[in-house]
Each structure stands twice: as C-alpha cells, then as structure tokens.
Amino acid sequence: MATAIFVAGPTRIDWYDGSVWTELGECDNDNLPQVSWNDYQHEIKTSSSGAIPEEIVLQNSDATVTFTLVKWDATELAQLEARQRGAQGTTTVGRLLVNDSGVFGIRVYPKTPGKTTYTFLRCYLPPGGMAHSQFGNVERRLGLTVKAVPDANNLLYATGTSV
C-alpha cells in the first residue's frame, strides 16, 4: 500500500574530481533529475524450456543519470569537460576513461531536508551527453546525461539523506 508522497523539490548536482566534491549546478522544479538503472542479463534457453528462459544470469548493472541545470558554475563545467576529454574544447583521441582517471562522481542532492540523495562514484559523459539549449531571449539550460558504472568494489551507487 502506498503510504507516502515523495517530493524532492529543487535539486543540487555535485561532481567529484577524484579529490573533492564541488557543486556543479542546480535544477528547478520543472527540470528534476532522473535516474534509470539498467540490468544486463543473459538468458539461458534449452530445448526443454523453448522460447522461455530456463535461467537468467545477471551480468552487471549501470545507471543513466539525466538532469537539466538552470544554474551552473562555468569553471566547474570546464573542469568536468577537461577531466573526461583531456582538455576543455578539445579531446585526447584514444584516451582510456576508466583506467586513465577520466571518470568523475555525480551526486544528486535534493535541497529539501530529509530527502534521499544518490551518489554515483564512477561516471562518464556518453556521446551526446551534454546539450546547451534555449539560446535567445530566455535563460539558457544545460542538459547533461551521464552513465554510471560500478566502481572497483562493484558499487554502482550509494544513498543518503539531505540535510
């Protein structure tokens, strides 16, 4: 039975460069973050089970974190870009992101006290993961989609409580 209504309210997005957590920006109530989890599975089918899997093997999980920032720190964004690409505005071709410290952490932190926070320690920007929008006579938005993969301890995310 449903017993509670969950309202996060405006949300802060922090990022981790390997040494310190820093605020990247904020979302508003019209553009709240979304997290979707993906479980990779291998279906085992035998002649006795036909088209129905006899067993399913979980091969690992990742997550996609999507958020639109209405306010952001341009310096922090430049540092995040440089962490993944090797430099802002350019790229280091052939760079290994996971083994070459190109990954970063993302924390989804509701500004309302007592709400669930999500921390992803190993993230990267997939192709098309950053979009600047609404050029013109309106406030700009920065849309980010990051992929989160398990860390060395196979931890995909951790939760906490906002204060």
C-alpha atoms as a PDB file:
ATOM      1  CA  MET A   1       0.000   0.000   0.000  1.00  0.00           C
ATOM      2  CA  ALA A   2       1.363   3.411  -0.928  1.00  0.00           C
ATOM      3  CA  THR A   3       1.944   5.414   2.232  1.00  0.00           C
ATOM      4  CA  ALA A   4       3.952   8.483   1.257  1.00  0.00           C
ATOM      5  CA  ILE A   5       4.269  11.169  -1.381  1.00  0.00           C
ATOM      6  CA  PHE A   6       7.849  11.821  -2.449  1.00  0.00           C
ATOM      7  CA  VAL A   7       8.660  15.415  -3.382  1.00  0.00           C
ATOM      8  CA  ALA A   8      12.328  16.292  -3.800  1.00  0.00           C
ATOM      9  CA  GLY A   9      11.977  19.942  -4.772  1.00  0.00           C
ATOM     10  CA  PRO A  10      14.875  21.863  -6.313  1.00  0.00           C
ATOM     11  CA  THR A  11      17.992  19.723  -6.513  1.00  0.00           C
ATOM     12  CA  ARG A  12      21.705  20.445  -6.378  1.00  0.00           C
ATOM     13  CA  ILE A  13      24.101  18.449  -8.537  1.00  0.00           C
ATOM     14  CA  ASP A  14      27.614  17.969  -7.175  1.00  0.00           C
ATOM     15  CA  TRP A  15      30.545  16.430  -9.010  1.00  0.00           C
ATOM     16  CA  TYR A  16      33.673  14.685  -7.743  1.00  0.00           C
ATOM     17  CA  ASP A  17      37.010  15.134  -9.485  1.00  0.00           C
ATOM     18  CA  GLY A  18      38.792  12.406  -7.527  1.00  0.00           C
ATOM     19  CA  SER A  19      39.712  14.605  -4.572  1.00  0.00           C
ATOM     20  CA  VAL A  20      36.827  16.912  -3.596  1.00  0.00           C
ATOM     21  CA  TRP A  21      33.045  17.220  -4.077  1.00  0.00           C
ATOM     22  CA  THR A  22      32.044  20.567  -5.622  1.00  0.00           C
ATOM     23  CA  GLU A  23      28.670  21.988  -6.622  1.00  0.00           C
ATOM     24  CA  LEU A  24      28.212  21.831 -10.389  1.00  0.00           C
ATOM     25  CA  GLY A  25      24.774  23.443 -10.542  1.00  0.00           C
ATOM     26  CA  GLU A  26      21.082  23.364  -9.663  1.00  0.00           C
ATOM     27  CA  CYS A  27      17.910  22.009 -11.212  1.00  0.00           C
ATOM     28  CA  ASP A  28      14.499  23.569 -10.679  1.00  0.00           C
ATOM     29  CA  ASN A  29      11.082  22.007 -10.061  1.00  0.00           C
ATOM     30  CA  ASP A  30      10.379  21.907 -13.800  1.00  0.00           C
ATOM     31  CA  ASN A  31      13.594  20.015 -14.610  1.00  0.00           C
ATOM     32  CA  LEU A  32      14.227  17.489 -11.843  1.00  0.00           C
ATOM     33  CA  PRO A  33      16.906  14.799 -12.284  1.00  0.00           C
ATOM     34  CA  GLN A  34      16.051  11.306 -13.425  1.00  0.00           C
ATOM     35  CA  VAL A  35      17.916   8.078 -12.753  1.00  0.00           C
ATOM     36  CA  SER A  36      17.301   4.836 -14.590  1.00  0.00           C
ATOM     37  CA  TRP A  37      19.010   1.562 -13.775  1.00  0.00           C
ATOM     38  CA  ASN A  38      19.945  -0.968 -16.435  1.00  0.00           C
ATOM     39  CA  ASP A  39      20.456  -4.634 -15.568  1.00  0.00           C
ATOM     40  CA  TYR A  40      22.384  -6.584 -18.205  1.00  0.00           C
ATOM     41  CA  GLN A  41      21.135 -10.130 -18.417  1.00  0.00           C
ATOM     42  CA  HIS A  42      21.963 -13.274 -20.326  1.00  0.00           C
ATOM     43  CA  GLU A  43      19.086 -15.641 -20.930  1.00  0.00           C
ATOM     44  CA  ILE A  44      19.788 -19.354 -20.931  1.00  0.00           C
ATOM     45  CA  LYS A  45      17.334 -21.288 -23.061  1.00  0.00           C
ATOM     46  CA  THR A  46      17.283 -25.023 -23.518  1.00  0.00           C
ATOM     47  CA  SER A  47      15.277 -27.277 -25.753  1.00  0.00           C
ATOM     48  CA  SER A  48      13.093 -28.160 -22.765  1.00  0.00           C
ATOM     49  CA  SER A  49      12.263 -24.506 -21.977  1.00  0.00           C
ATOM     50  CA  GLY A  50      11.637 -23.472 -25.586  1.00  0.00           C
ATOM     51  CA  ALA A  51      11.399 -19.707 -26.011  1.00  0.00           C
ATOM     52  CA  ILE A  52      11.057 -19.105 -22.256  1.00  0.00           C
ATOM     53  CA  PRO A  53      14.378 -18.678 -20.417  1.00  0.00           C
ATOM     54  CA  GLU A  54      15.194 -21.542 -18.107  1.00  0.00           C
ATOM     55  CA  GLU A  55      17.577 -19.281 -16.203  1.00  0.00           C
ATOM     56  CA  ILE A  56      18.661 -15.651 -16.389  1.00  0.00           C
ATOM     57  CA  VAL A  57      22.186 -14.607 -15.426  1.00  0.00           C
ATOM     58  CA  LEU A  58      22.665 -11.036 -14.192  1.00  0.00           C
ATOM     59  CA  GLN A  59      25.894  -9.830 -15.814  1.00  0.00           C
ATOM     60  CA  ASN A  60      26.099  -6.403 -14.165  1.00  0.00           C
ATOM     61  CA  SER A  61      24.244  -3.112 -13.890  1.00  0.00           C
ATOM     62  CA  ASP A  62      24.779   0.517 -14.785  1.00  0.00           C
ATOM     63  CA  ALA A  63      22.709   3.668 -14.483  1.00  0.00           C
ATOM     64  CA  THR A  64      21.842   6.659 -16.620  1.00  0.00           C
ATOM     65  CA  VAL A  65      21.546   9.958 -14.734  1.00  0.00           C
ATOM     66  CA  THR A  66      19.857  12.803 -16.628  1.00  0.00           C
ATOM     67  CA  PHE A  67      19.488  16.342 -15.350  1.00  0.00           C
ATOM     68  CA  THR A  68      18.947  19.853 -16.672  1.00  0.00           C
ATOM     69  CA  LEU A  69      20.765  22.630 -14.879  1.00  0.00           C
ATOM     70  CA  VAL A  70      19.173  26.067 -14.699  1.00  0.00           C
ATOM     71  CA  LYS A  71      22.209  27.458 -12.825  1.00  0.00           C
ATOM     72  CA  TRP A  72      25.752  26.130 -13.126  1.00  0.00           C
ATOM     73  CA  ASP A  73      29.344  27.040 -12.406  1.00  0.00           C
ATOM     74  CA  ALA A  74      31.146  27.552 -15.734  1.00  0.00           C
ATOM     75  CA  THR A  75      34.553  26.902 -14.143  1.00  0.00           C
ATOM     76  CA  GLU A  76      33.412  23.584 -12.680  1.00  0.00           C
ATOM     77  CA  LEU A  77      31.834  22.603 -16.003  1.00  0.00           C
ATOM     78  CA  ALA A  78      35.134  23.330 -17.777  1.00  0.00           C
ATOM     79  CA  GLN A  79      36.985  21.164 -15.243  1.00  0.00           C
ATOM     80  CA  LEU A  80      34.496  18.324 -15.733  1.00  0.00           C
ATOM     81  CA  GLU A  81      34.959  18.546 -19.515  1.00  0.00           C
ATOM     82  CA  ALA A  82      38.739  18.547 -19.138  1.00  0.00           C
ATOM     83  CA  ARG A  83      38.614  15.542 -16.806  1.00  0.00           C
ATOM     84  CA  GLN A  84      36.849  13.452 -19.428  1.00  0.00           C
ATOM     85  CA  ARG A  85      38.290  14.818 -22.669  1.00  0.00           C
ATOM     86  CA  GLY A  86      41.809  15.619 -21.554  1.00  0.00           C
ATOM     87  CA  ALA A  87      41.258  19.372 -22.127  1.00  0.00           C
ATOM     88  CA  GLN A  88      38.332  21.760 -22.484  1.00  0.00           C
ATOM     89  CA  GLY A  89      37.106  22.306 -26.030  1.00  0.00           C
ATOM     90  CA  THR A  90      39.265  19.530 -27.479  1.00  0.00           C
ATOM     91  CA  THR A  91      39.841  15.860 -26.898  1.00  0.00           C
ATOM     92  CA  THR A  92      42.632  13.352 -26.425  1.00  0.00           C
ATOM     93  CA  VAL A  93      41.947  10.691 -29.056  1.00  0.00           C
ATOM     94  CA  GLY A  94      42.386   7.153 -27.788  1.00  0.00           C
ATOM     95  CA  ARG A  95      42.134   8.106 -24.134  1.00  0.00           C
ATOM     96  CA  LEU A  96      41.006   5.330 -21.782  1.00  0.00           C
ATOM     97  CA  LEU A  97      38.460   6.942 -19.470  1.00  0.00           C
ATOM     98  CA  VAL A  98      38.185   4.381 -16.677  1.00  0.00           C
ATOM     99  CA  ASN A  99      41.874   3.462 -16.476  1.00  0.00           C
ATOM    100  CA  ASP A 100      43.147   6.989 -17.151  1.00  0.00           C
ATOM    101  CA  SER A 101      41.138   8.816 -14.451  1.00  0.00           C
ATOM    102  CA  GLY A 102      38.710  10.249 -16.965  1.00  0.00           C
ATOM    103  CA  VAL A 103      35.700   9.302 -14.876  1.00  0.00           C
ATOM    104  CA  PHE A 104      34.073  11.507 -12.233  1.00  0.00           C
ATOM    105  CA  GLY A 105      31.454  11.274  -9.495  1.00  0.00           C
ATOM    106  CA  ILE A 106      27.927  12.725  -9.545  1.00  0.00           C
ATOM    107  CA  ARG A 107      25.744  13.358  -6.505  1.00  0.00           C
ATOM    108  CA  VAL A 108      22.035  14.152  -6.816  1.00  0.00           C
ATOM    109  CA  TYR A 109      21.257  16.176  -3.691  1.00  0.00           C
ATOM    110  CA  PRO A 110      17.690  17.452  -3.041  1.00  0.00           C
ATOM    111  CA  LYS A 111      17.737  20.842  -1.318  1.00  0.00           C
ATOM    112  CA  THR A 112      14.741  19.819   0.801  1.00  0.00           C
ATOM    113  CA  PRO A 113      15.953  18.291   4.118  1.00  0.00           C
ATOM    114  CA  GLY A 114      15.239  14.628   4.759  1.00  0.00           C
ATOM    115  CA  LYS A 115      15.123  13.521   1.116  1.00  0.00           C
ATOM    116  CA  THR A 116      17.101  10.680  -0.467  1.00  0.00           C
ATOM    117  CA  THR A 117      20.415  11.572  -2.102  1.00  0.00           C
ATOM    118  CA  TYR A 118      22.139   9.418  -4.708  1.00  0.00           C
ATOM    119  CA  THR A 119      25.897   9.241  -5.173  1.00  0.00           C
ATOM    120  CA  PHE A 120      27.498   7.667  -8.245  1.00  0.00           C
ATOM    121  CA  LEU A 121      31.288   7.496  -7.966  1.00  0.00           C
ATOM    122  CA  ARG A 122      32.263   6.334 -11.465  1.00  0.00           C
ATOM    123  CA  CYS A 123      30.570   8.301 -14.251  1.00  0.00           C
ATOM    124  CA  TYR A 124      31.347   9.429 -17.762  1.00  0.00           C
ATOM    125  CA  LEU A 125      29.620  11.506 -20.451  1.00  0.00           C
ATOM    126  CA  PRO A 126      28.367   9.261 -23.275  1.00  0.00           C
ATOM    127  CA  PRO A 127      28.179  10.594 -26.854  1.00  0.00           C
ATOM    128  CA  GLY A 128      25.646  13.434 -26.912  1.00  0.00           C
ATOM    129  CA  GLY A 129      25.774  13.680 -23.110  1.00  0.00           C
ATOM    130  CA  MET A 130      25.969  17.486 -22.933  1.00  0.00           C
ATOM    131  CA  ALA A 131      23.498  19.886 -24.529  1.00  0.00           C
ATOM    132  CA  HIS A 132      23.306  23.663 -24.204  1.00  0.00           C
ATOM    133  CA  SER A 133      19.808  24.827 -25.096  1.00  0.00           C
ATOM    134  CA  GLN A 134      17.447  27.781 -25.307  1.00  0.00           C
ATOM    135  CA  PHE A 135      19.687  30.320 -26.987  1.00  0.00           C
ATOM    136  CA  GLY A 136      17.923  33.632 -27.425  1.00  0.00           C
ATOM    137  CA  ASN A 137      15.934  35.904 -25.124  1.00  0.00           C
ATOM    138  CA  VAL A 138      15.333  33.283 -22.414  1.00  0.00           C
ATOM    139  CA  GLU A 139      17.514  31.748 -19.757  1.00  0.00           C
ATOM    140  CA  ARG A 140      19.787  29.016 -21.064  1.00  0.00           C
ATOM    141  CA  ARG A 141      19.675  25.420 -19.856  1.00  0.00           C
ATOM    142  CA  LEU A 142      22.439  22.852 -19.644  1.00  0.00           C
ATOM    143  CA  GLY A 143      21.295  19.280 -20.111  1.00  0.00           C
ATOM    144  CA  LEU A 144      23.626  16.503 -19.018  1.00  0.00           C
ATOM    145  CA  THR A 145      23.267  12.769 -19.346  1.00  0.00           C
ATOM    146  CA  VAL A 146      25.900  10.706 -17.588  1.00  0.00           C
ATOM    147  CA  LYS A 147      26.436   6.973 -17.469  1.00  0.00           C
ATOM    148  CA  ALA A 148      27.376   5.480 -14.119  1.00  0.00           C
ATOM    149  CA  VAL A 149      29.221   2.169 -13.908  1.00  0.00           C
ATOM    150  CA  PRO A 150      30.168   0.133 -10.824  1.00  0.00           C
ATOM    151  CA  ASP A 151      33.381   1.111  -9.040  1.00  0.00           C
ATOM    152  CA  ALA A 152      36.275  -1.220  -8.154  1.00  0.00           C
ATOM    153  CA  ASN A 153      34.167  -2.653  -5.296  1.00  0.00           C
ATOM    154  CA  ASN A 154      31.246  -3.283  -7.698  1.00  0.00           C
ATOM    155  CA  LEU A 155      29.241  -0.480  -6.029  1.00  0.00           C
ATOM    156  CA  LEU A 156      27.047   1.345  -8.527  1.00  0.00           C
ATOM    157  CA  TYR A 157      25.546   3.944  -6.181  1.00  0.00           C
ATOM    158  CA  ALA A 158      25.057   4.867  -2.549  1.00  0.00           C
ATOM    159  CA  THR A 159      22.147   6.669  -0.933  1.00  0.00           C
ATOM    160  CA  GLY A 160      21.989   9.161   1.910  1.00  0.00           C
ATOM    161  CA  THR A 161      19.687  11.793   3.354  1.00  0.00           C
ATOM    162  CA  SER A 162      19.789  15.506   2.569  1.00  0.00           C
ATOM    163  CA  VAL A 163      20.177  17.936   5.461  1.00  0.00           C
END
